[in-house]
């Protein structure tokens, strides 16, 4: 059970998170110039997010160091993000994960056929692996969260690695690769996307999804969270894929930043998107935290999130 100090540092508004971090260049294009797009997150805690002036990719500044991020995911992430205190994933997560896995499998149904090799990078509690295996695929997952990886192994009998480096798989090993809401958590998303592209067969598909920072229907500051060290919009997500030699697959529908990509041999265009950073500054301009708190506008989103957790917790898994 986390200590009172943990809750003080991670949940109390108008305070910072317990990390030091260090300045970092844009992971996508290497540019160091940036503009501030936000200075608070969904908990009204102080954390600065900046957008690269060359390509528009959003990142936390200062960026947590590799050791700080590893410590956070080892000790705090599941409690902080999903209220999973001990004993594996909570029921409401399993219900949501099963629902999403079925949707993802139906989207890729022409690819999830007997004999195909599938990698789920960031496989969580294993529901998508189980669904793909049920359809006849040879599956393997990568999941650094040990409780969730153990749950997947024990409940579904699937193979799950806790980590995967450059040499974990040969080039062209997989017909299908999926990475669902993972790339926003990584310090080096462009490098990981290139690795996934190398592991993909020439005619394979990569299903990738991240939160869309330009999504409507919620206050801008609610799109920021300590766990999300990178933020994407449609343009920057496609540019991330393009750097890895991937383009959207014309045969599959896309929903903003949920995309099925394929390989391309076309030359890579310049890694830039002039004007996007300034557009994001305008679109993501946040209300001052104190004004937002006094307004009461946060009450309904909080009720809605808790209601969804209760509903999913009571649903049949």
Foldseek 3Di string as FASTA:
>chain_A
DDDPVQCVQQQDAAEHHPADADQDADLQARHRDWDWQDQAAQSNHGWTWTAGQFFGKIFTPRHGDPVRLVVCLAPPDCCSPPVPDDDAHAQLVVLVVLVVLVVVCVLVVVQLAAPFEEEEEQCFQPNNVLVSVVRHYQYEYEHLHVRSQVNNCVVRVHHYHNDDDLPNAAFQQGQEYEYEADLQQDPNSLVVLLSVNRNHHQFHKYWYAHDALLDDDDQNNHVDDPSRRIHDWQRLLQSSNLSSQWHFDPVGDADTRGGIIHGDPDDRDRNGDHPNRVVSSVSNVGDNSVVVVVVCPSVVVVVVVVVSSVVSNPDDD
